Amino acid sequence: WRNWQNVIDYHRNMLERKLATAKAMSLPYHREKSRAILIPAGGRCKIYDQNAPQFYFWGAFAAAWTLRHHGCTLPIEFWFLPGEMEEIPHVELFAKQVAATCHVVDTSNMRCVHGWQIKINAILQTKHTQVLHLDADNIVTKDPTYLFDCQEFKDHEAMFWVDNPNVNDFHGRIIEHQWKRVGSSRTDRISDIETGQMLIDKDRAAKALAIIKH
């Protein structure tokens, strides 16, 4: 169904409507920058064992412990969908052990309350203006705080990392027919991004975030 012309037309029209709305947005007023690391920590991982899925929280806890071990002093926030925190006994006590805080996403304005949708909503709902999003299975090898001050982030409002960099076919790539789906005349092939790591300045990227949320 994703290649049916009526589905492509519907998605393109929906995107064009939101693009028009976003272009009319006024950017947020200038506010003091604050930084944080966000880690979605709810749900269970079924990748390795379908019969005994493990809580993602323990991966998030290990990720936060490693960040602290490398000297990172940034605020760390664990984000959950409603009901997920209650599945883990003493979750807030464990969070305190790594100087992290627990937060529940407000789902009242979510069209689909499910796994990966928590990412954009956590980014939008945190009080911090510059955020490094890390998936629960991302373990750092050094303190990533320096990324907030690197020139690439200063020059742009976001930094991303490529997904599947060694894949040479269409998997992990944006190619011509995908540009066409969104009404673009571009035909170049570019790398897809890995959404497990995203560095974003919410004020400068406000319009793009509004489109992604939509």
Protein backbone atom coordinates (compact mmCIF):
# COMPACT_ATOMS: atom_id res chain seq x y z
CA TRP A 1 0.00 0.00 0.00
CA ARG A 2 2.86 2.43 0.58
CA ASN A 3 3.40 2.61 -3.19
CA TRP A 4 -0.24 3.25 -4.07
CA GLN A 5 -0.54 6.64 -5.74
CA ASN A 6 -3.44 7.74 -3.52
CA VAL A 7 -1.34 7.02 -0.41
CA ILE A 8 1.63 8.94 -1.82
CA ASP A 9 -0.65 11.88 -2.72
CA TYR A 10 -2.22 11.89 0.74
CA HIS A 11 1.14 11.90 2.53
CA ARG A 12 2.47 14.63 0.23
CA ASN A 13 -0.59 16.83 0.79
CA MET A 14 -0.35 16.32 4.55
CA LEU A 15 3.33 17.30 4.49
CA GLU A 16 2.69 20.35 2.31
CA ARG A 17 -0.02 21.59 4.69
CA LYS A 18 2.31 21.30 7.65
CA LEU A 19 5.17 22.93 5.74
CA ALA A 20 2.94 25.91 5.03
CA THR A 21 2.04 26.15 8.71
CA ALA A 22 5.65 25.86 9.82
CA LYS A 23 6.83 28.57 7.42
CA ALA A 24 4.33 30.94 9.02
CA MET A 25 5.59 30.17 12.53
CA SER A 26 7.47 32.79 14.47
CA LEU A 27 10.63 31.46 16.04
CA PRO A 28 10.69 31.20 19.85
CA TYR A 29 11.85 34.25 21.72
CA HIS A 30 15.52 34.27 22.63
CA ARG A 31 16.06 32.43 25.87
CA GLU A 32 19.02 31.26 27.84
CA LYS A 33 20.47 28.04 26.51
CA SER A 34 20.32 24.98 28.74
CA ARG A 35 21.70 21.56 27.86
CA ALA A 36 20.70 18.01 28.68
CA ILE A 37 20.94 14.40 27.54
CA LEU A 38 17.62 12.63 26.89
CA ILE A 39 17.34 8.83 26.95
CA PRO A 40 14.03 7.03 26.19
CA ALA A 41 13.95 4.35 28.88
CA GLY A 42 10.57 2.64 28.72
CA GLY A 43 9.29 -0.51 27.10
CA ARG A 44 11.00 -3.84 26.50
CA CYS A 45 13.54 -4.95 23.91
CA LYS A 46 12.43 -7.98 21.86
CA ILE A 47 15.32 -7.95 19.40
CA TYR A 48 17.45 -10.58 21.13
CA ASP A 49 14.82 -12.77 22.76
CA GLN A 50 11.18 -12.61 21.70
CA ASN A 51 10.15 -14.89 24.55
CA ALA A 52 11.89 -12.96 27.33
CA PRO A 53 12.09 -9.29 26.34
CA GLN A 54 14.18 -7.19 28.72
CA PHE A 55 13.39 -3.69 29.95
CA TYR A 56 15.11 -0.94 27.99
CA PHE A 57 15.54 0.87 31.30
CA TRP A 58 18.54 -1.25 32.24
CA GLY A 59 20.26 -0.27 29.02
CA ALA A 60 19.43 3.37 29.76
CA PHE A 61 20.80 2.96 33.28
CA ALA A 62 24.04 1.49 31.91
CA ALA A 63 24.26 4.30 29.36
CA ALA A 64 23.84 6.94 32.08
CA TRP A 65 26.33 5.19 34.39
CA THR A 66 28.90 5.21 31.58
CA LEU A 67 28.28 8.92 30.88
CA ARG A 68 28.96 9.70 34.55
CA HIS A 69 31.98 7.38 34.54
CA HIS A 70 33.49 9.47 31.72
CA GLY A 71 32.93 12.68 33.69
CA CYS A 72 29.76 13.99 32.03
CA THR A 73 27.98 16.45 34.34
CA LEU A 74 25.09 17.37 32.04
CA PRO A 75 21.54 16.72 33.27
CA ILE A 76 20.35 13.27 32.19
CA GLU A 77 16.63 12.66 31.71
CA PHE A 78 14.97 9.25 31.37
CA TRP A 79 11.72 9.49 29.38
CA PHE A 80 8.77 7.08 29.53
CA LEU A 81 5.32 6.67 28.04
CA PRO A 82 2.45 6.58 30.58
CA GLY A 83 2.45 3.37 32.62
CA GLU A 84 6.02 2.35 31.76
CA MET A 85 7.65 3.68 34.94
CA GLU A 86 5.32 1.57 37.08
CA GLU A 87 6.69 -1.61 35.48
CA ILE A 88 10.13 -1.06 37.06
CA PRO A 89 10.25 -1.20 40.89
CA HIS A 90 12.15 1.69 42.50
CA VAL A 91 12.90 3.22 39.10
CA GLU A 92 13.44 6.72 40.51
CA LEU A 93 15.87 5.42 43.13
CA PHE A 94 17.93 3.78 40.39
CA ALA A 95 17.83 7.04 38.41
CA LYS A 96 19.19 8.93 41.39
CA GLN A 97 22.19 6.61 41.50
CA VAL A 98 23.32 8.11 38.19
CA ALA A 99 22.05 11.63 38.97
CA ALA A 100 19.26 11.29 36.41
CA THR A 101 15.59 12.27 36.54
CA CYS A 102 12.48 10.45 35.29
CA HIS A 103 9.86 12.06 33.08
CA VAL A 104 6.60 10.88 31.50
CA VAL A 105 5.60 12.12 28.06
CA ASP A 106 2.33 14.02 27.80
CA THR A 107 0.47 12.00 25.16
CA SER A 108 -2.58 14.26 24.84
CA ASN A 109 -1.30 15.63 21.51
CA MET A 110 0.20 12.42 20.10
CA ARG A 111 -1.51 10.81 17.12
CA CYS A 112 0.18 7.47 17.83
CA VAL A 113 1.22 6.55 21.37
CA HIS A 114 3.90 3.97 20.70
CA GLY A 115 7.63 3.23 20.94
CA TRP A 116 9.77 5.44 18.73
CA GLN A 117 7.29 8.35 18.74
CA ILE A 118 8.55 9.12 22.25
CA LYS A 119 11.73 10.59 20.76
CA ILE A 120 10.31 13.74 19.15
CA ASN A 121 7.85 14.29 22.01
CA ALA A 122 10.55 14.04 24.69
CA ILE A 123 12.70 16.50 22.73
CA LEU A 124 9.81 18.96 22.46
CA GLN A 125 8.60 18.55 26.05
CA THR A 126 11.88 18.83 27.94
CA LYS A 127 12.53 22.27 29.40
CA HIS A 128 16.08 22.28 28.01
CA THR A 129 16.79 24.11 24.76
CA GLN A 130 19.82 22.15 23.49
CA VAL A 131 19.54 18.38 23.76
CA LEU A 132 21.56 15.31 22.91
CA HIS A 133 19.18 12.42 22.35
CA LEU A 134 20.68 8.98 22.92
CA ASP A 135 18.91 5.66 22.57
CA ALA A 136 19.02 3.33 25.57
CA ASP A 137 21.45 0.99 23.79
CA ASN A 138 24.01 3.72 23.05
CA ILE A 139 27.12 3.49 25.20
CA VAL A 140 29.58 6.38 24.91
CA THR A 141 33.36 6.01 24.88
CA LYS A 142 34.01 9.58 26.06
CA ASP A 143 32.15 12.54 27.55
CA PRO A 144 30.02 13.95 24.67
CA THR A 145 29.62 17.42 26.22
CA TYR A 146 32.16 18.92 23.77
CA LEU A 147 29.69 18.33 20.90
CA PHE A 148 27.54 21.24 22.11
CA ASP A 149 30.48 23.60 21.51
CA CYS A 150 31.86 22.19 18.27
CA GLN A 151 31.79 24.40 15.17
CA GLU A 152 29.49 22.13 13.21
CA PHE A 153 26.77 22.56 15.83
CA LYS A 154 27.34 26.31 16.02
CA ASP A 155 27.02 26.61 12.24
CA HIS A 156 23.85 24.52 12.06
CA GLU A 157 20.94 23.84 14.39
CA ALA A 158 21.48 20.08 14.56
CA MET A 159 24.00 17.28 14.14
CA PHE A 160 23.23 13.77 12.96
CA TRP A 161 25.18 10.59 12.31
CA VAL A 162 24.73 8.29 9.32
CA ASP A 163 22.96 4.96 9.60
CA ASN A 164 24.42 1.79 8.06
CA PRO A 165 27.43 3.58 6.52
CA ASN A 166 28.72 0.43 4.81
CA VAL A 167 25.51 -0.45 2.99
CA ASN A 168 25.70 0.21 -0.78
CA ASP A 169 22.14 -0.56 -1.87
CA PHE A 170 18.99 1.46 -1.22
CA HIS A 171 18.77 0.40 2.43
CA GLY A 172 19.97 3.22 4.65
CA ARG A 173 19.81 5.73 1.78
CA ILE A 174 17.40 8.42 0.62
CA ILE A 175 17.05 7.96 -3.14
CA GLU A 176 15.17 9.47 -6.07
CA HIS A 177 11.72 7.93 -5.60
CA GLN A 178 11.71 8.98 -1.93
CA TRP A 179 12.41 12.60 -2.89
CA LYS A 180 9.56 12.34 -5.39
CA ARG A 181 7.18 11.13 -2.68
CA VAL A 182 7.52 14.44 -0.84
CA GLY A 183 7.28 16.58 -3.99
CA SER A 184 10.99 17.38 -4.28
CA SER A 185 12.83 17.62 -7.59
CA ARG A 186 16.06 16.37 -6.02
CA THR A 187 17.49 13.15 -7.39
CA ASP A 188 20.70 12.76 -5.38
CA ARG A 189 21.32 9.86 -3.04
CA ILE A 190 22.18 10.76 0.55
CA SER A 191 22.75 8.74 3.67
CA ASP A 192 19.88 8.07 6.02
CA ILE A 193 20.44 9.15 9.63
CA GLU A 194 20.75 7.07 12.78
CA THR A 195 18.11 8.40 15.15
CA GLY A 196 19.82 6.82 18.14
CA GLN A 197 22.02 9.92 18.37
CA MET A 198 20.73 13.42 17.60
CA LEU A 199 22.05 16.80 18.79
CA ILE A 200 19.47 19.55 18.39
CA ASP A 201 19.08 23.23 19.19
CA LYS A 202 15.33 23.41 19.73
CA ASP A 203 15.03 27.17 19.22
CA ARG A 204 16.84 27.30 15.92
CA ALA A 205 15.25 24.05 14.69
CA ALA A 206 11.72 24.92 15.86
CA LYS A 207 10.13 24.80 12.41
CA ALA A 208 11.73 21.49 11.48
CA LEU A 209 10.69 19.99 14.82
CA ALA A 210 7.10 21.10 14.21
CA ILE A 211 7.08 19.29 10.86
CA ILE A 212 8.62 16.14 12.36
CA LYS A 213 6.08 16.17 15.20
CA HIS A 214 3.31 16.38 12.62
